[in-house]
Amino acid sequence: MFQHIGMLTLVDEATAENADAIVAGLLALPATIPGLVEAKVDRDAGLTPGNATLVFHLTFADQAAWEGYRTHPDHVAVIKERIAPVLAAKTFVQVAA
């Protein structure tokens, strides 16, 4: 298995609907991207100022599946249409498990 974990911080002007759209977009990806086994997405509880807005944990069959995901049209569409317009900062890590 191969893990891709990310934290997204949205701009202050982002709405709950923006966050909902990102969550829905990420959760839909396993249905269309080969080798993407599972997607988990959670929102920050809002207890500490400065935290990221969303965290996601994607599980892939292997590193090759993750590499395919990076340029897959459905993934790119989620970035362009849902994430990029409201993104302030991002952090990612990949882990071979």
PDB file of N, CA and C in Angstrom:
ATOM      1  N   MET A   1       0.836  -1.185   0.000  1.00  0.00           N
ATOM      2  CA  MET A   1       0.000   0.000   0.000  1.00  0.00           C
ATOM      3  C   MET A   1       0.883   1.252   0.000  1.00  0.00           C
ATOM      4  N   PHE A   2       0.316   2.328  -0.496  1.00  0.00           N
ATOM      5  CA  PHE A   2       1.002   3.607  -0.580  1.00  0.00           C
ATOM      6  C   PHE A   2       0.019   4.676  -0.112  1.00  0.00           C
ATOM      7  N   GLN A   3       0.457   5.546   0.774  1.00  0.00           N
ATOM      8  CA  GLN A   3      -0.412   6.554   1.386  1.00  0.00           C
ATOM      9  C   GLN A   3      -0.053   7.952   0.884  1.00  0.00           C
ATOM     10  N   HIS A   4      -1.060   8.752   0.631  1.00  0.00           N
ATOM     11  CA  HIS A   4      -0.903  10.167   0.293  1.00  0.00           C
ATOM     12  C   HIS A   4      -1.765  10.928   1.292  1.00  0.00           C
ATOM     13  N   ILE A   5      -1.121  11.738   2.124  1.00  0.00           N
ATOM     14  CA  ILE A   5      -1.805  12.456   3.195  1.00  0.00           C
ATOM     15  C   ILE A   5      -1.594  13.948   2.962  1.00  0.00           C
ATOM     16  N   GLY A   6      -2.662  14.708   3.085  1.00  0.00           N
ATOM     17  CA  GLY A   6      -2.543  16.135   2.843  1.00  0.00           C
ATOM     18  C   GLY A   6      -3.381  16.951   3.795  1.00  0.00           C
ATOM     19  N   MET A   7      -2.933  18.177   3.991  1.00  0.00           N
ATOM     20  CA  MET A   7      -3.690  19.151   4.770  1.00  0.00           C
ATOM     21  C   MET A   7      -3.905  20.374   3.887  1.00  0.00           C
ATOM     22  N   LEU A   8      -5.138  20.823   3.826  1.00  0.00           N
ATOM     23  CA  LEU A   8      -5.497  21.989   3.029  1.00  0.00           C
ATOM     24  C   LEU A   8      -6.004  23.091   3.949  1.00  0.00           C
ATOM     25  N   THR A   9      -5.452  24.271   3.788  1.00  0.00           N
ATOM     26  CA  THR A   9      -5.937  25.445   4.505  1.00  0.00           C
ATOM     27  C   THR A   9      -6.663  26.312   3.492  1.00  0.00           C
ATOM     28  N   LEU A  10      -7.913  26.594   3.766  1.00  0.00           N
ATOM     29  CA  LEU A  10      -8.710  27.402   2.853  1.00  0.00           C
ATOM     30  C   LEU A  10      -8.641  28.873   3.245  1.00  0.00           C
ATOM     31  N   VAL A  11      -8.869  29.728   2.270  1.00  0.00           N
ATOM     32  CA  VAL A  11      -8.871  31.170   2.533  1.00  0.00           C
ATOM     33  C   VAL A  11     -10.009  31.511   3.493  1.00  0.00           C
ATOM     34  N   ASP A  12      -9.867  32.623   4.184  1.00  0.00           N
ATOM     35  CA  ASP A  12     -10.887  33.032   5.157  1.00  0.00           C
ATOM     36  C   ASP A  12     -12.263  33.197   4.517  1.00  0.00           C
ATOM     37  N   GLU A  13     -12.290  33.567   3.244  1.00  0.00           N
ATOM     38  CA  GLU A  13     -13.555  33.806   2.555  1.00  0.00           C
ATOM     39  C   GLU A  13     -14.249  32.514   2.115  1.00  0.00           C
ATOM     40  N   ALA A  14     -13.575  31.385   2.243  1.00  0.00           N
ATOM     41  CA  ALA A  14     -14.175  30.107   1.842  1.00  0.00           C
ATOM     42  C   ALA A  14     -15.410  29.822   2.697  1.00  0.00           C
ATOM     43  N   THR A  15     -16.415  29.262   2.067  1.00  0.00           N
ATOM     44  CA  THR A  15     -17.674  28.962   2.754  1.00  0.00           C
ATOM     45  C   THR A  15     -17.743  27.482   3.121  1.00  0.00           C
ATOM     46  N   ALA A  16     -18.725  27.146   3.924  1.00  0.00           N
ATOM     47  CA  ALA A  16     -18.968  25.737   4.245  1.00  0.00           C
ATOM     48  C   ALA A  16     -19.274  24.956   2.973  1.00  0.00           C
ATOM     49  N   GLU A  17     -19.930  25.597   2.020  1.00  0.00           N
ATOM     50  CA  GLU A  17     -20.237  24.946   0.746  1.00  0.00           C
ATOM     51  C   GLU A  17     -18.963  24.642  -0.031  1.00  0.00           C
ATOM     52  N   ASN A  18     -17.973  25.542   0.028  1.00  0.00           N
ATOM     53  CA  ASN A  18     -16.689  25.275  -0.617  1.00  0.00           C
ATOM     54  C   ASN A  18     -16.035  24.041  -0.013  1.00  0.00           C
ATOM     55  N   ALA A  19     -16.016  23.977   1.313  1.00  0.00           N
ATOM     56  CA  ALA A  19     -15.422  22.823   1.997  1.00  0.00           C
ATOM     57  C   ALA A  19     -16.192  21.551   1.672  1.00  0.00           C
ATOM     58  N   ASP A  20     -17.522  21.633   1.660  1.00  0.00           N
ATOM     59  CA  ASP A  20     -18.346  20.469   1.313  1.00  0.00           C
ATOM     60  C   ASP A  20     -18.014  19.960  -0.088  1.00  0.00           C
ATOM     61  N   ALA A  21     -17.830  20.874  -1.030  1.00  0.00           N
ATOM     62  CA  ALA A  21     -17.525  20.490  -2.409  1.00  0.00           C
ATOM     63  C   ALA A  21     -16.173  19.795  -2.506  1.00  0.00           C
ATOM     64  N   ILE A  22     -15.202  20.264  -1.748  1.00  0.00           N
ATOM     65  CA  ILE A  22     -13.884  19.626  -1.741  1.00  0.00           C
ATOM     66  C   ILE A  22     -13.984  18.230  -1.149  1.00  0.00           C
ATOM     67  N   VAL A  23     -14.649  18.110  -0.018  1.00  0.00           N
ATOM     68  CA  VAL A  23     -14.818  16.799   0.620  1.00  0.00           C
ATOM     69  C   VAL A  23     -15.490  15.832  -0.345  1.00  0.00           C
ATOM     70  N   ALA A  24     -16.592  16.248  -0.949  1.00  0.00           N
ATOM     71  CA  ALA A  24     -17.317  15.374  -1.878  1.00  0.00           C
ATOM     72  C   ALA A  24     -16.452  14.993  -3.071  1.00  0.00           C
ATOM     73  N   GLY A  25     -15.708  15.952  -3.591  1.00  0.00           N
ATOM     74  CA  GLY A  25     -14.845  15.672  -4.736  1.00  0.00           C
ATOM     75  C   GLY A  25     -13.767  14.658  -4.422  1.00  0.00           C
ATOM     76  N   LEU A  26     -13.117  14.805  -3.280  1.00  0.00           N
ATOM     77  CA  LEU A  26     -12.068  13.857  -2.894  1.00  0.00           C
ATOM     78  C   LEU A  26     -12.642  12.477  -2.598  1.00  0.00           C
ATOM     79  N   LEU A  27     -13.785  12.438  -1.923  1.00  0.00           N
ATOM     80  CA  LEU A  27     -14.384  11.144  -1.579  1.00  0.00           C
ATOM     81  C   LEU A  27     -14.884  10.387  -2.811  1.00  0.00           C
ATOM     82  N   ALA A  28     -15.160  11.088  -3.895  1.00  0.00           N
ATOM     83  CA  ALA A  28     -15.639  10.439  -5.118  1.00  0.00           C
ATOM     84  C   ALA A  28     -14.514   9.823  -5.946  1.00  0.00           C
ATOM     85  N   LEU A  29     -13.282  10.208  -5.707  1.00  0.00           N
ATOM     86  CA  LEU A  29     -12.173   9.773  -6.561  1.00  0.00           C
ATOM     87  C   LEU A  29     -11.925   8.265  -6.591  1.00  0.00           C
ATOM     88  N   PRO A  30     -12.069   7.518  -5.496  1.00  0.00           N
ATOM     89  CA  PRO A  30     -11.815   6.073  -5.590  1.00  0.00           C
ATOM     90  C   PRO A  30     -12.704   5.357  -6.611  1.00  0.00           C
ATOM     91  N   ALA A  31     -13.851   5.906  -6.921  1.00  0.00           N
ATOM     92  CA  ALA A  31     -14.757   5.269  -7.881  1.00  0.00           C
ATOM     93  C   ALA A  31     -14.259   5.385  -9.319  1.00  0.00           C
ATOM     94  N   THR A  32     -13.347   6.326  -9.576  1.00  0.00           N
ATOM     95  CA  THR A  32     -12.925   6.559 -10.956  1.00  0.00           C
ATOM     96  C   THR A  32     -11.424   6.442 -11.206  1.00  0.00           C
ATOM     97  N   ILE A  33     -10.628   6.396 -10.153  1.00  0.00           N
ATOM     98  CA  ILE A  33      -9.175   6.362 -10.344  1.00  0.00           C
ATOM     99  C   ILE A  33      -8.644   4.974 -10.019  1.00  0.00           C
ATOM    100  N   PRO A  34      -8.064   4.305 -11.008  1.00  0.00           N
ATOM    101  CA  PRO A  34      -7.531   2.957 -10.787  1.00  0.00           C
ATOM    102  C   PRO A  34      -6.466   2.939  -9.687  1.00  0.00           C
ATOM    103  N   GLY A  35      -6.575   1.987  -8.792  1.00  0.00           N
ATOM    104  CA  GLY A  35      -5.588   1.814  -7.738  1.00  0.00           C
ATOM    105  C   GLY A  35      -5.783   2.688  -6.522  1.00  0.00           C
ATOM    106  N   LEU A  36      -6.739   3.611  -6.567  1.00  0.00           N
ATOM    107  CA  LEU A  36      -7.065   4.414  -5.382  1.00  0.00           C
ATOM    108  C   LEU A  36      -8.082   3.611  -4.584  1.00  0.00           C
ATOM    109  N   VAL A  37      -7.598   3.020  -3.506  1.00  0.00           N
ATOM    110  CA  VAL A  37      -8.373   2.044  -2.739  1.00  0.00           C
ATOM    111  C   VAL A  37      -9.356   2.701  -1.782  1.00  0.00           C
ATOM    112  N   GLU A  38      -8.938   3.791  -1.139  1.00  0.00           N
ATOM    113  CA  GLU A  38      -9.785   4.413  -0.119  1.00  0.00           C
ATOM    114  C   GLU A  38      -9.441   5.887   0.029  1.00  0.00           C
ATOM    115  N   ALA A  39     -10.455   6.692   0.309  1.00  0.00           N
ATOM    116  CA  ALA A  39     -10.271   8.112   0.599  1.00  0.00           C
ATOM    117  C   ALA A  39     -10.980   8.440   1.902  1.00  0.00           C
ATOM    118  N   LYS A  40     -10.266   9.114   2.794  1.00  0.00           N
ATOM    119  CA  LYS A  40     -10.849   9.622   4.037  1.00  0.00           C
ATOM    120  C   LYS A  40     -10.577  11.121   4.073  1.00  0.00           C
ATOM    121  N   VAL A  41     -11.587  11.887   4.429  1.00  0.00           N
ATOM    122  CA  VAL A  41     -11.440  13.340   4.513  1.00  0.00           C
ATOM    123  C   VAL A  41     -12.128  13.806   5.789  1.00  0.00           C
ATOM    124  N   ASP A  42     -11.450  14.656   6.552  1.00  0.00           N
ATOM    125  CA  ASP A  42     -12.024  15.202   7.780  1.00  0.00           C
ATOM    126  C   ASP A  42     -11.771  16.695   7.845  1.00  0.00           C
ATOM    127  N   ARG A  43     -12.636  17.375   8.588  1.00  0.00           N
ATOM    128  CA  ARG A  43     -12.491  18.807   8.826  1.00  0.00           C
ATOM    129  C   ARG A  43     -11.886  19.028  10.199  1.00  0.00           C
ATOM    130  N   ASP A  44     -11.106  20.069  10.290  1.00  0.00           N
ATOM    131  CA  ASP A  44     -10.546  20.447  11.580  1.00  0.00           C
ATOM    132  C   ASP A  44     -11.682  20.805  12.543  1.00  0.00           C
ATOM    133  N   ALA A  45     -11.510  20.470  13.793  1.00  0.00           N
ATOM    134  CA  ALA A  45     -12.530  20.747  14.809  1.00  0.00           C
ATOM    135  C   ALA A  45     -12.614  22.230  15.166  1.00  0.00           C
ATOM    136  N   GLY A  46     -11.638  23.016  14.723  1.00  0.00           N
ATOM    137  CA  GLY A  46     -11.687  24.448  14.974  1.00  0.00           C
ATOM    138  C   GLY A  46     -11.275  24.858  16.372  1.00  0.00           C
ATOM    139  N   LEU A  47     -10.521  24.020  17.050  1.00  0.00           N
ATOM    140  CA  LEU A  47     -10.149  24.305  18.435  1.00  0.00           C
ATOM    141  C   LEU A  47      -8.880  25.138  18.573  1.00  0.00           C
ATOM    142  N   THR A  48      -8.033  25.120  17.536  1.00  0.00           N
ATOM    143  CA  THR A  48      -6.763  25.826  17.608  1.00  0.00           C
ATOM    144  C   THR A  48      -6.606  26.747  16.403  1.00  0.00           C
ATOM    145  N   PRO A  49      -6.453  28.035  16.631  1.00  0.00           N
ATOM    146  CA  PRO A  49      -6.265  28.965  15.516  1.00  0.00           C
ATOM    147  C   PRO A  49      -5.034  28.588  14.693  1.00  0.00           C
ATOM    148  N   GLY A  50      -5.143  28.753  13.393  1.00  0.00           N
ATOM    149  CA  GLY A  50      -4.009  28.492  12.520  1.00  0.00           C
ATOM    150  C   GLY A  50      -3.931  27.078  11.984  1.00  0.00           C
ATOM    151  N   ASN A  51      -4.801  26.192  12.447  1.00  0.00           N
ATOM    152  CA  ASN A  51      -4.799  24.824  11.918  1.00  0.00           C
ATOM    153  C   ASN A  51      -5.268  24.805  10.470  1.00  0.00           C
ATOM    154  N   ALA A  52      -4.939  23.724   9.778  1.00  0.00           N
ATOM    155  CA  ALA A  52      -5.465  23.501   8.439  1.00  0.00           C
ATOM    156  C   ALA A  52      -6.979  23.314   8.524  1.00  0.00           C
ATOM    157  N   THR A  53      -7.653  23.507   7.409  1.00  0.00           N
ATOM    158  CA  THR A  53      -9.111  23.379   7.351  1.00  0.00           C
ATOM    159  C   THR A  53      -9.541  21.932   7.174  1.00  0.00           C
ATOM    160  N   LEU A  54      -8.849  21.222   6.277  1.00  0.00           N
ATOM    161  CA  LEU A  54      -9.197  19.843   5.935  1.00  0.00           C
ATOM    162  C   LEU A  54      -7.956  18.968   5.944  1.00  0.00           C
ATOM    163  N   VAL A  55      -8.149  17.714   6.283  1.00  0.00           N
ATOM    164  CA  VAL A  55      -7.085  16.720   6.165  1.00  0.00           C
ATOM    165  C   VAL A  55      -7.646  15.555   5.364  1.00  0.00           C
ATOM    166  N   PHE A  56      -6.821  15.018   4.466  1.00  0.00           N
ATOM    167  CA  PHE A  56      -7.265  13.839   3.723  1.00  0.00           C
ATOM    168  C   PHE A  56      -6.189  12.771   3.752  1.00  0.00           C
ATOM    169  N   HIS A  57      -6.640  11.535   3.647  1.00  0.00           N
ATOM    170  CA  HIS A  57      -5.762  10.368   3.691  1.00  0.00           C
ATOM    171  C   HIS A  57      -6.220   9.447   2.570  1.00  0.00           C
ATOM    172  N   LEU A  58      -5.405   9.337   1.535  1.00  0.00           N
ATOM    173  CA  LEU A  58      -5.736   8.491   0.394  1.00  0.00           C
ATOM    174  C   LEU A  58      -4.842   7.261   0.409  1.00  0.00           C
ATOM    175  N   THR A  59      -5.432   6.104   0.214  1.00  0.00           N
ATOM    176  CA  THR A  59      -4.697   4.845   0.195  1.00  0.00           C
ATOM    177  C   THR A  59      -4.706   4.292  -1.224  1.00  0.00           C
ATOM    178  N   PHE A  60      -3.522   4.018  -1.732  1.00  0.00           N
ATOM    179  CA  PHE A  60      -3.344   3.482  -3.079  1.00  0.00           C
ATOM    180  C   PHE A  60      -2.798   2.067  -3.007  1.00  0.00           C
ATOM    181  N   ALA A  61      -3.048   1.302  -4.054  1.00  0.00           N
ATOM    182  CA  ALA A  61      -2.536  -0.063  -4.123  1.00  0.00           C
ATOM    183  C   ALA A  61      -1.015  -0.071  -4.093  1.00  0.00           C
ATOM    184  N   ASP A  62      -0.410   0.922  -4.731  1.00  0.00           N
ATOM    185  CA  ASP A  62       1.049   1.008  -4.794  1.00  0.00           C
ATOM    186  C   ASP A  62       1.448   2.405  -5.271  1.00  0.00           C
ATOM    187  N   GLN A  63       2.742   2.658  -5.332  1.00  0.00           N
ATOM    188  CA  GLN A  63       3.233   3.968  -5.740  1.00  0.00           C
ATOM    189  C   GLN A  63       2.838   4.287  -7.179  1.00  0.00           C
ATOM    190  N   ALA A  64       2.832   3.289  -8.037  1.00  0.00           N
ATOM    191  CA  ALA A  64       2.446   3.508  -9.435  1.00  0.00           C
ATOM    192  C   ALA A  64       1.010   4.029  -9.533  1.00  0.00           C
ATOM    193  N   ALA A  65       0.123   3.531  -8.693  1.00  0.00           N
ATOM    194  CA  ALA A  65      -1.265   4.007  -8.694  1.00  0.00           C
ATOM    195  C   ALA A  65      -1.323   5.474  -8.274  1.00  0.00           C
ATOM    196  N   TRP A  66      -0.526   5.851  -7.283  1.00  0.00           N
ATOM    197  CA  TRP A  66      -0.467   7.254  -6.860  1.00  0.00           C
ATOM    198  C   TRP A  66       0.052   8.132  -7.995  1.00  0.00           C
ATOM    199  N   GLU A  67       1.068   7.648  -8.698  1.00  0.00           N
ATOM    200  CA  GLU A  67       1.614   8.424  -9.810  1.00  0.00           C
ATOM    201  C   GLU A  67       0.561   8.636 -10.897  1.00  0.00           C
ATOM    202  N   GLY A  68      -0.268   7.629 -11.153  1.00  0.00           N
ATOM    203  CA  GLY A  68      -1.348   7.779 -12.118  1.00  0.00           C
ATOM    204  C   GLY A  68      -2.411   8.760 -11.659  1.00  0.00           C
ATOM    205  N   TYR A  69      -2.676   8.765 -10.377  1.00  0.00           N
ATOM    206  CA  TYR A  69      -3.662   9.675  -9.771  1.00  0.00           C
ATOM    207  C   TYR A  69      -3.268  11.128  -9.959  1.00  0.00           C
ATOM    208  N   ARG A  70      -1.988  11.404  -9.881  1.00  0.00           N
ATOM    209  CA  ARG A  70      -1.509  12.785  -9.928  1.00  0.00           C
ATOM    210  C   ARG A  70      -1.970  13.522 -11.177  1.00  0.00           C
ATOM    211  N   THR A  71      -2.053  12.815 -12.302  1.00  0.00           N
ATOM    212  CA  THR A  71      -2.441  13.458 -13.556  1.00  0.00           C
ATOM    213  C   THR A  71      -3.805  12.986 -14.068  1.00  0.00           C
ATOM    214  N   HIS A  72      -4.496  12.173 -13.295  1.00  0.00           N
ATOM    215  CA  HIS A  72      -5.805  11.676 -13.722  1.00  0.00           C
ATOM    216  C   HIS A  72      -6.769  12.861 -13.882  1.00  0.00           C
ATOM    217  N   PRO A  73      -7.533  12.901 -14.966  1.00  0.00           N
ATOM    218  CA  PRO A  73      -8.426  14.042 -15.217  1.00  0.00           C
ATOM    219  C   PRO A  73      -9.425  14.332 -14.090  1.00  0.00           C
ATOM    220  N   ASP A  74      -9.916  13.316 -13.412  1.00  0.00           N
ATOM    221  CA  ASP A  74     -10.872  13.559 -12.326  1.00  0.00           C
ATOM    222  C   ASP A  74     -10.200  14.236 -11.134  1.00  0.00           C
ATOM    223  N   HIS A  75      -8.976  13.847 -10.838  1.00  0.00           N
ATOM    224  CA  HIS A  75      -8.211  14.484  -9.761  1.00  0.00           C
ATOM    225  C   HIS A  75      -7.896  15.930 -10.134  1.00  0.00           C
ATOM    226  N   VAL A  76      -7.424  16.125 -11.354  1.00  0.00           N
ATOM    227  CA  VAL A  76      -7.091  17.470 -11.819  1.00  0.00           C
ATOM    228  C   VAL A  76      -8.330  18.369 -11.775  1.00  0.00           C
ATOM    229  N   ALA A  77      -9.493  17.834 -12.134  1.00  0.00           N
ATOM    230  CA  ALA A  77     -10.730  18.619 -12.098  1.00  0.00           C
ATOM    231  C   ALA A  77     -11.087  19.046 -10.675  1.00  0.00           C
ATOM    232  N   VAL A  78     -10.916  18.153  -9.703  1.00  0.00           N
ATOM    233  CA  VAL A  78     -11.195  18.514  -8.308  1.00  0.00           C
ATOM    234  C   VAL A  78     -10.279  19.654  -7.878  1.00  0.00           C
ATOM    235  N   ILE A  79      -9.024  19.577  -8.265  1.00  0.00           N
ATOM    236  CA  ILE A  79      -8.083  20.648  -7.911  1.00  0.00           C
ATOM    237  C   ILE A  79      -8.515  21.968  -8.547  1.00  0.00           C
ATOM    238  N   LYS A  80      -8.694  21.956  -9.861  1.00  0.00           N
ATOM    239  CA  LYS A  80      -8.986  23.199 -10.587  1.00  0.00           C
ATOM    240  C   LYS A  80     -10.335  23.806 -10.218  1.00  0.00           C
ATOM    241  N   GLU A  81     -11.350  22.957 -10.076  1.00  0.00           N
ATOM    242  CA  GLU A  81     -12.707  23.466  -9.890  1.00  0.00           C
ATOM    243  C   GLU A  81     -13.097  23.688  -8.432  1.00  0.00           C
ATOM    244  N   ARG A  82     -12.524  22.904  -7.521  1.00  0.00           N
ATOM    245  CA  ARG A  82     -12.992  22.967  -6.136  1.00  0.00           C
ATOM    246  C   ARG A  82     -11.936  23.457  -5.142  1.00  0.00           C
ATOM    247  N   ILE A  83     -10.692  23.032  -5.336  1.00  0.00           N
ATOM    248  CA  ILE A  83      -9.658  23.355  -4.354  1.00  0.00           C
ATOM    249  C   ILE A  83      -8.963  24.678  -4.664  1.00  0.00           C
ATOM    250  N   ALA A  84      -8.405  24.818  -5.850  1.00  0.00           N
ATOM    251  CA  ALA A  84      -7.588  25.987  -6.189  1.00  0.00           C
ATOM    252  C   ALA A  84      -8.286  27.328  -5.947  1.00  0.00           C
ATOM    253  N   PRO A  85      -9.572  27.462  -6.258  1.00  0.00           N
ATOM    254  CA  PRO A  85     -10.197  28.776  -6.059  1.00  0.00           C
ATOM    255  C   PRO A  85     -10.262  29.249  -4.601  1.00  0.00           C
ATOM    256  N   VAL A  86     -10.135  28.340  -3.650  1.00  0.00           N
ATOM    257  CA  VAL A  86     -10.255  28.729  -2.236  1.00  0.00           C
ATOM    258  C   VAL A  86      -9.049  28.285  -1.397  1.00  0.00           C
ATOM    259  N   LEU A  87      -7.964  27.905  -2.045  1.00  0.00           N
ATOM    260  CA  LEU A  87      -6.802  27.367  -1.328  1.00  0.00           C
ATOM    261  C   LEU A  87      -5.859  28.472  -0.873  1.00  0.00           C
ATOM    262  N   ALA A  88      -5.521  28.460   0.416  1.00  0.00           N
ATOM    263  CA  ALA A  88      -4.528  29.378   0.963  1.00  0.00           C
ATOM    264  C   ALA A  88      -3.178  28.683   1.108  1.00  0.00           C
ATOM    265  N   ALA A  89      -3.180  27.415   1.548  1.00  0.00           N
ATOM    266  CA  ALA A  89      -1.929  26.679   1.763  1.00  0.00           C
ATOM    267  C   ALA A  89      -2.204  25.184   1.710  1.00  0.00           C
ATOM    268  N   LYS A  90      -1.149  24.430   1.413  1.00  0.00           N
ATOM    269  CA  LYS A  90      -1.264  22.973   1.349  1.00  0.00           C
ATOM    270  C   LYS A  90       0.027  22.336   1.822  1.00  0.00           C
ATOM    271  N   THR A  91      -0.101  21.145   2.382  1.00  0.00           N
ATOM    272  CA  THR A  91       1.040  20.344   2.813  1.00  0.00           C
ATOM    273  C   THR A  91       0.710  18.895   2.521  1.00  0.00           C
ATOM    274  N   PHE A  92       1.676  18.168   1.952  1.00  0.00           N
ATOM    275  CA  PHE A  92       1.460  16.764   1.611  1.00  0.00           C
ATOM    276  C   PHE A  92       2.618  15.912   2.097  1.00  0.00           C
ATOM    277  N   VAL A  93       2.336  14.637   2.287  1.00  0.00           N
ATOM    278  CA  VAL A  93       3.371  13.649   2.563  1.00  0.00           C
ATOM    279  C   VAL A  93       2.924  12.343   1.911  1.00  0.00           C
ATOM    280  N   GLN A  94       3.885  11.609   1.368  1.00  0.00           N
ATOM    281  CA  GLN A  94       3.606  10.284   0.824  1.00  0.00           C
ATOM    282  C   GLN A  94       4.380   9.270   1.656  1.00  0.00           C
ATOM    283  N   VAL A  95       3.717   8.146   1.937  1.00  0.00           N
ATOM    284  CA  VAL A  95       4.307   7.130   2.805  1.00  0.00           C
ATOM    285  C   VAL A  95       4.115   5.766   2.167  1.00  0.00           C
ATOM    286  N   ALA A  96       5.204   5.040   2.005  1.00  0.00           N
ATOM    287  CA  ALA A  96       5.111   3.654   1.545  1.00  0.00           C
ATOM    288  C   ALA A  96       4.821   2.790   2.761  1.00  0.00           C
ATOM    289  N   ALA A  97       3.680   2.130   2.754  1.00  0.00           N
ATOM    290  CA  ALA A  97       3.294   1.334   3.927  1.00  0.00           C
ATOM    291  C   ALA A  97       3.181  -0.127   3.561  1.00  0.00           C
TER     292      ALA A  97
END
